Amino acid sequence: LPDIRAHNSVVDNGGIPHRCYTLDDGS
């Protein structure tokens, strides 16, 4: 799934995911 691959790319590039939440428009 593209979202999962994007998350893995964060980790692979030394990043840290902190918060992930939806906005009023659903994004």
PDB file of all heavy atoms in Angstrom:
ATOM      1  N   LEU A   1       0.845  -1.186   0.000  1.00  0.00           N
ATOM      2  CA  LEU A   1       0.000   0.000   0.000  1.00  0.00           C
ATOM      3  C   LEU A   1       0.892   1.252   0.000  1.00  0.00           C
ATOM      4  O   LEU A   1       1.856   1.317   0.756  1.00  0.00           O
ATOM      5  CB  LEU A   1      -0.905   0.001   1.232  1.00  0.00           C
ATOM      6  CG  LEU A   1      -2.065   1.000   1.224  1.00  0.00           C
ATOM      7  CD1 LEU A   1      -3.181   0.518   0.299  1.00  0.00           C
ATOM      8  CD2 LEU A   1      -2.611   1.198   2.635  1.00  0.00           C
ATOM      9  N   PRO A   2       0.596   2.260  -0.843  1.00  0.00           N
ATOM     10  CA  PRO A   2       1.462   3.441  -0.923  1.00  0.00           C
ATOM     11  C   PRO A   2       1.719   4.093   0.428  1.00  0.00           C
ATOM     12  O   PRO A   2       2.851   4.538   0.704  1.00  0.00           O
ATOM     13  CB  PRO A   2       0.687   4.371  -1.861  1.00  0.00           C
ATOM     14  CG  PRO A   2      -0.092   3.447  -2.739  1.00  0.00           C
ATOM     15  CD  PRO A   2      -0.478   2.305  -1.846  1.00  0.00           C
ATOM     16  N   ASP A   3       0.715   4.164   1.298  1.00  0.00           N
ATOM     17  CA  ASP A   3       0.906   4.778   2.614  1.00  0.00           C
ATOM     18  C   ASP A   3       1.960   4.028   3.436  1.00  0.00           C
ATOM     19  O   ASP A   3       2.773   4.648   4.129  1.00  0.00           O
ATOM     20  CB  ASP A   3      -0.410   4.777   3.400  1.00  0.00           C
ATOM     21  CG  ASP A   3      -1.542   5.437   2.651  1.00  0.00           C
ATOM     22  OD1 ASP A   3      -1.818   4.986   1.521  1.00  0.00           O
ATOM     23  OD2 ASP A   3      -2.159   6.370   3.185  1.00  0.00           O
ATOM     24  N   ILE A   4       1.912   2.703   3.380  1.00  0.00           N
ATOM     25  CA  ILE A   4       2.878   1.892   4.125  1.00  0.00           C
ATOM     26  C   ILE A   4       4.275   2.095   3.559  1.00  0.00           C
ATOM     27  O   ILE A   4       5.258   2.220   4.297  1.00  0.00           O
ATOM     28  CB  ILE A   4       2.490   0.400   4.083  1.00  0.00           C
ATOM     29  CG1 ILE A   4       1.061   0.192   4.610  1.00  0.00           C
ATOM     30  CG2 ILE A   4       3.486  -0.425   4.886  1.00  0.00           C
ATOM     31  CD1 ILE A   4       0.828   0.668   6.010  1.00  0.00           C
ATOM     32  N   ARG A   5       4.374   2.130   2.236  1.00  0.00           N
ATOM     33  CA  ARG A   5       5.674   2.360   1.596  1.00  0.00           C
ATOM     34  C   ARG A   5       6.209   3.749   1.940  1.00  0.00           C
ATOM     35  O   ARG A   5       7.417   3.931   2.116  1.00  0.00           O
ATOM     36  CB  ARG A   5       5.542   2.170   0.082  1.00  0.00           C
ATOM     37  CG  ARG A   5       5.203   0.733  -0.304  1.00  0.00           C
ATOM     38  CD  ARG A   5       4.766   0.640  -1.759  1.00  0.00           C
ATOM     39  NE  ARG A   5       5.854   0.975  -2.664  1.00  0.00           N
ATOM     40  CZ  ARG A   5       5.693   1.098  -3.992  1.00  0.00           C
ATOM     41  NH1 ARG A   5       4.480   0.954  -4.518  1.00  0.00           N
ATOM     42  NH2 ARG A   5       6.719   1.403  -4.762  1.00  0.00           N
ATOM     43  N   ALA A   6       5.313   4.726   2.043  1.00  0.00           N
ATOM     44  CA  ALA A   6       5.735   6.071   2.435  1.00  0.00           C
ATOM     45  C   ALA A   6       6.243   6.076   3.875  1.00  0.00           C
ATOM     46  O   ALA A   6       7.255   6.708   4.188  1.00  0.00           O
ATOM     47  CB  ALA A   6       4.583   7.050   2.272  1.00  0.00           C
ATOM     48  N   HIS A   7       5.531   5.364   4.765  1.00  0.00           N
ATOM     49  CA  HIS A   7       5.988   5.262   6.159  1.00  0.00           C
ATOM     50  C   HIS A   7       7.372   4.626   6.220  1.00  0.00           C
ATOM     51  O   HIS A   7       8.252   5.115   6.945  1.00  0.00           O
ATOM     52  CB  HIS A   7       4.999   4.425   6.972  1.00  0.00           C
ATOM     53  CG  HIS A   7       5.534   4.012   8.309  1.00  0.00           C
ATOM     54  ND1 HIS A   7       5.582   4.852   9.395  1.00  0.00           N
ATOM     55  CD2 HIS A   7       6.087   2.831   8.724  1.00  0.00           C
ATOM     56  CE1 HIS A   7       6.124   4.220  10.424  1.00  0.00           C
ATOM     57  NE2 HIS A   7       6.431   3.005  10.047  1.00  0.00           N
ATOM     58  N   ASN A   8       7.581   3.550   5.462  1.00  0.00           N
ATOM     59  CA  ASN A   8       8.887   2.893   5.460  1.00  0.00           C
ATOM     60  C   ASN A   8       9.970   3.819   4.932  1.00  0.00           C
ATOM     61  O   ASN A   8      11.129   3.757   5.374  1.00  0.00           O
ATOM     62  CB  ASN A   8       8.826   1.615   4.622  1.00  0.00           C
ATOM     63  CG  ASN A   8       7.987   0.529   5.280  1.00  0.00           C
ATOM     64  OD1 ASN A   8       7.788   0.551   6.496  1.00  0.00           O
ATOM     65  ND2 ASN A   8       7.479  -0.407   4.505  1.00  0.00           N
ATOM     66  N   SER A   9       9.602   4.687   3.984  1.00  0.00           N
ATOM     67  CA  SER A   9      10.567   5.643   3.448  1.00  0.00           C
ATOM     68  C   SER A   9      10.976   6.664   4.501  1.00  0.00           C
ATOM     69  O   SER A   9      12.126   7.111   4.529  1.00  0.00           O
ATOM     70  CB  SER A   9       9.977   6.358   2.225  1.00  0.00           C
ATOM     71  OG  SER A   9      10.881   7.302   1.707  1.00  0.00           O
ATOM     72  N   VAL A  10      10.047   7.046   5.372  1.00  0.00           N
ATOM     73  CA  VAL A  10      10.391   7.946   6.479  1.00  0.00           C
ATOM     74  C   VAL A  10      11.491   7.319   7.321  1.00  0.00           C
ATOM     75  O   VAL A  10      12.525   7.928   7.613  1.00  0.00           O
ATOM     76  CB  VAL A  10       9.160   8.243   7.358  1.00  0.00           C
ATOM     77  CG1 VAL A  10       9.572   9.013   8.614  1.00  0.00           C
ATOM     78  CG2 VAL A  10       8.119   9.041   6.590  1.00  0.00           C
ATOM     79  N   VAL A  11      11.285   6.046   7.705  1.00  0.00           N
ATOM     80  CA  VAL A  11      12.233   5.346   8.562  1.00  0.00           C
ATOM     81  C   VAL A  11      13.555   5.131   7.833  1.00  0.00           C
ATOM     82  O   VAL A  11      14.640   5.336   8.398  1.00  0.00           O
ATOM     83  CB  VAL A  11      11.639   3.995   9.019  1.00  0.00           C
ATOM     84  CG1 VAL A  11      12.653   3.217   9.856  1.00  0.00           C
ATOM     85  CG2 VAL A  11      10.358   4.225   9.816  1.00  0.00           C
ATOM     86  N   ASP A  12      13.484   4.729   6.550  1.00  0.00           N
ATOM     87  CA  ASP A  12      14.702   4.467   5.780  1.00  0.00           C
ATOM     88  C   ASP A  12      15.570   5.712   5.631  1.00  0.00           C
ATOM     89  O   ASP A  12      16.797   5.603   5.493  1.00  0.00           O
ATOM     90  CB  ASP A  12      14.350   3.937   4.390  1.00  0.00           C
ATOM     91  CG  ASP A  12      13.855   2.496   4.418  1.00  0.00           C
ATOM     92  OD1 ASP A  12      13.997   1.845   5.477  1.00  0.00           O
ATOM     93  OD2 ASP A  12      13.332   2.022   3.393  1.00  0.00           O
ATOM     94  N   ASN A  13      14.953   6.877   5.641  1.00  0.00           N
ATOM     95  CA  ASN A  13      15.701   8.120   5.475  1.00  0.00           C
ATOM     96  C   ASN A  13      15.978   8.826   6.807  1.00  0.00           C
ATOM     97  O   ASN A  13      16.212  10.029   6.849  1.00  0.00           O
ATOM     98  CB  ASN A  13      14.946   9.061   4.536  1.00  0.00           C
ATOM     99  CG  ASN A  13      15.031   8.605   3.092  1.00  0.00           C
ATOM    100  OD1 ASN A  13      16.112   8.569   2.507  1.00  0.00           O
ATOM    101  ND2 ASN A  13      13.900   8.220   2.513  1.00  0.00           N
ATOM    102  N   GLY A  14      15.946   8.038   7.884  1.00  0.00           N
ATOM    103  CA  GLY A  14      16.328   8.559   9.189  1.00  0.00           C
ATOM    104  C   GLY A  14      15.288   9.433   9.848  1.00  0.00           C
ATOM    105  O   GLY A  14      15.590  10.155  10.797  1.00  0.00           O
ATOM    106  N   GLY A  15      14.041   9.377   9.355  1.00  0.00           N
ATOM    107  CA  GLY A  15      12.985  10.200   9.922  1.00  0.00           C
ATOM    108  C   GLY A  15      12.223   9.504  11.036  1.00  0.00           C
ATOM    109  O   GLY A  15      12.376   8.302  11.258  1.00  0.00           O
ATOM    110  N   ILE A  16      11.408  10.278  11.734  1.00  0.00           N
ATOM    111  CA  ILE A  16      10.574   9.751  12.818  1.00  0.00           C
ATOM    112  C   ILE A  16       9.147  10.238  12.598  1.00  0.00           C
ATOM    113  O   ILE A  16       8.903  11.444  12.510  1.00  0.00           O
ATOM    114  CB  ILE A  16      11.058  10.236  14.192  1.00  0.00           C
ATOM    115  CG1 ILE A  16      12.507   9.799  14.442  1.00  0.00           C
ATOM    116  CG2 ILE A  16      10.153   9.708  15.304  1.00  0.00           C
ATOM    117  CD1 ILE A  16      13.107  10.394  15.702  1.00  0.00           C
ATOM    118  N   PRO A  17       8.181   9.317  12.474  1.00  0.00           N
ATOM    119  CA  PRO A  17       6.779   9.737  12.396  1.00  0.00           C
ATOM    120  C   PRO A  17       6.250  10.024  13.796  1.00  0.00           C
ATOM    121  O   PRO A  17       6.389   9.206  14.702  1.00  0.00           O
ATOM    122  CB  PRO A  17       6.087   8.512  11.770  1.00  0.00           C
ATOM    123  CG  PRO A  17       6.946   7.352  12.174  1.00  0.00           C
ATOM    124  CD  PRO A  17       8.349   7.869  12.309  1.00  0.00           C
ATOM    125  N   HIS A  18       5.642  11.175  13.984  1.00  0.00           N
ATOM    126  CA  HIS A  18       5.130  11.551  15.300  1.00  0.00           C
ATOM    127  C   HIS A  18       3.607  11.408  15.379  1.00  0.00           C
ATOM    128  O   HIS A  18       3.103  10.543  16.066  1.00  0.00           O
ATOM    129  CB  HIS A  18       5.546  12.980  15.642  1.00  0.00           C
ATOM    130  CG  HIS A  18       7.015  13.150  15.818  1.00  0.00           C
ATOM    131  ND1 HIS A  18       7.734  12.542  16.825  1.00  0.00           N
ATOM    132  CD2 HIS A  18       7.929  13.840  15.092  1.00  0.00           C
ATOM    133  CE1 HIS A  18       9.005  12.851  16.738  1.00  0.00           C
ATOM    134  NE2 HIS A  18       9.154  13.641  15.693  1.00  0.00           N
ATOM    135  N   ARG A  19       2.888  12.244  14.675  1.00  0.00           N
ATOM    136  CA  ARG A  19       1.421  12.196  14.707  1.00  0.00           C
ATOM    137  C   ARG A  19       0.883  12.091  13.296  1.00  0.00           C
ATOM    138  O   ARG A  19       1.444  12.637  12.351  1.00  0.00           O
ATOM    139  CB  ARG A  19       0.856  13.442  15.381  1.00  0.00           C
ATOM    140  CG  ARG A  19       1.260  13.634  16.833  1.00  0.00           C
ATOM    141  CD  ARG A  19       0.576  14.873  17.398  1.00  0.00           C
ATOM    142  NE  ARG A  19      -0.870  14.736  17.403  1.00  0.00           N
ATOM    143  CZ  ARG A  19      -1.722  15.758  17.388  1.00  0.00           C
ATOM    144  NH1 ARG A  19      -1.268  16.998  17.323  1.00  0.00           N
ATOM    145  NH2 ARG A  19      -3.032  15.550  17.405  1.00  0.00           N
ATOM    146  N   CYS A  20      -0.231  11.364  13.172  1.00  0.00           N
ATOM    147  CA  CYS A  20      -0.910  11.231  11.880  1.00  0.00           C
ATOM    148  C   CYS A  20      -2.410  11.201  12.166  1.00  0.00           C
ATOM    149  O   CYS A  20      -2.898  10.281  12.827  1.00  0.00           O
ATOM    150  CB  CYS A  20      -0.460   9.952  11.168  1.00  0.00           C
ATOM    151  SG  CYS A  20      -1.178   9.739   9.530  1.00  0.00           S
ATOM    152  N   TYR A  21      -3.133  12.210  11.690  1.00  0.00           N
ATOM    153  CA  TYR A  21      -4.554  12.315  12.019  1.00  0.00           C
ATOM    154  C   TYR A  21      -5.301  12.941  10.843  1.00  0.00           C
ATOM    155  O   TYR A  21      -4.714  13.607   9.983  1.00  0.00           O
ATOM    156  CB  TYR A  21      -4.750  13.165  13.279  1.00  0.00           C
ATOM    157  CG  TYR A  21      -4.049  14.501  13.236  1.00  0.00           C
ATOM    158  CD1 TYR A  21      -4.701  15.644  12.750  1.00  0.00           C
ATOM    159  CD2 TYR A  21      -2.728  14.625  13.663  1.00  0.00           C
ATOM    160  CE1 TYR A  21      -4.054  16.867  12.696  1.00  0.00           C
ATOM    161  CE2 TYR A  21      -2.074  15.852  13.613  1.00  0.00           C
ATOM    162  CZ  TYR A  21      -2.737  16.966  13.127  1.00  0.00           C
ATOM    163  OH  TYR A  21      -2.089  18.165  13.070  1.00  0.00           O
ATOM    164  N   THR A  22      -6.620  12.723  10.806  1.00  0.00           N
ATOM    165  CA  THR A  22      -7.416  13.235   9.701  1.00  0.00           C
ATOM    166  C   THR A  22      -7.880  14.665   9.959  1.00  0.00           C
ATOM    167  O   THR A  22      -8.099  15.073  11.098  1.00  0.00           O
ATOM    168  CB  THR A  22      -8.653  12.349   9.460  1.00  0.00           C
ATOM    169  OG1 THR A  22      -9.398  12.236  10.678  1.00  0.00           O
ATOM    170  CG2 THR A  22      -8.253  10.972   8.985  1.00  0.00           C
ATOM    171  N   LEU A  23      -8.040  15.402   8.854  1.00  0.00           N
ATOM    172  CA  LEU A  23      -8.578  16.753   8.893  1.00  0.00           C
ATOM    173  C   LEU A  23     -10.081  16.709   8.617  1.00  0.00           C
ATOM    174  O   LEU A  23     -10.644  15.644   8.348  1.00  0.00           O
ATOM    175  CB  LEU A  23      -7.866  17.617   7.851  1.00  0.00           C
ATOM    176  CG  LEU A  23      -6.342  17.696   7.973  1.00  0.00           C
ATOM    177  CD1 LEU A  23      -5.767  18.488   6.804  1.00  0.00           C
ATOM    178  CD2 LEU A  23      -5.941  18.332   9.298  1.00  0.00           C
ATOM    179  N   ASP A  24     -10.728  17.865   8.635  1.00  0.00           N
ATOM    180  CA  ASP A  24     -12.170  17.916   8.404  1.00  0.00           C
ATOM    181  C   ASP A  24     -12.565  17.425   7.022  1.00  0.00           C
ATOM    182  O   ASP A  24     -13.682  16.938   6.823  1.00  0.00           O
ATOM    183  CB  ASP A  24     -12.683  19.356   8.598  1.00  0.00           C
ATOM    184  CG  ASP A  24     -12.630  19.798  10.058  1.00  0.00           C
ATOM    185  OD1 ASP A  24     -12.536  18.909  10.929  1.00  0.00           O
ATOM    186  OD2 ASP A  24     -12.663  21.008  10.316  1.00  0.00           O
ATOM    187  N   ASP A  25     -11.658  17.554   6.036  1.00  0.00           N
ATOM    188  CA  ASP A  25     -11.978  17.096   4.682  1.00  0.00           C
ATOM    189  C   ASP A  25     -11.640  15.621   4.466  1.00  0.00           C
ATOM    190  O   ASP A  25     -11.779  15.093   3.367  1.00  0.00           O
ATOM    191  CB  ASP A  25     -11.260  17.952   3.635  1.00  0.00           C
ATOM    192  CG  ASP A  25      -9.730  17.844   3.745  1.00  0.00           C
ATOM    193  OD1 ASP A  25      -9.241  17.124   4.649  1.00  0.00           O
ATOM    194  OD2 ASP A  25      -9.039  18.482   2.935  1.00  0.00           O
ATOM    195  N   GLY A  26     -11.177  14.943   5.528  1.00  0.00           N
ATOM    196  CA  GLY A  26     -10.875  13.522   5.435  1.00  0.00           C
ATOM    197  C   GLY A  26      -9.448  13.203   5.044  1.00  0.00           C
ATOM    198  O   GLY A  26      -9.050  12.033   5.055  1.00  0.00           O
ATOM    199  N   SER A  27      -8.631  14.208   4.681  1.00  0.00           N
ATOM    200  CA  SER A  27      -7.239  13.953   4.319  1.00  0.00           C
ATOM    201  C   SER A  27      -6.388  13.781   5.576  1.00  0.00           C
ATOM    202  O   SER A  27      -6.815  14.126   6.687  1.00  0.00           O
ATOM    203  CB  SER A  27      -6.688  15.093   3.462  1.00  0.00           C
ATOM    204  OG  SER A  27      -6.692  16.308   4.185  1.00  0.00           O
TER     205      SER A  27
END
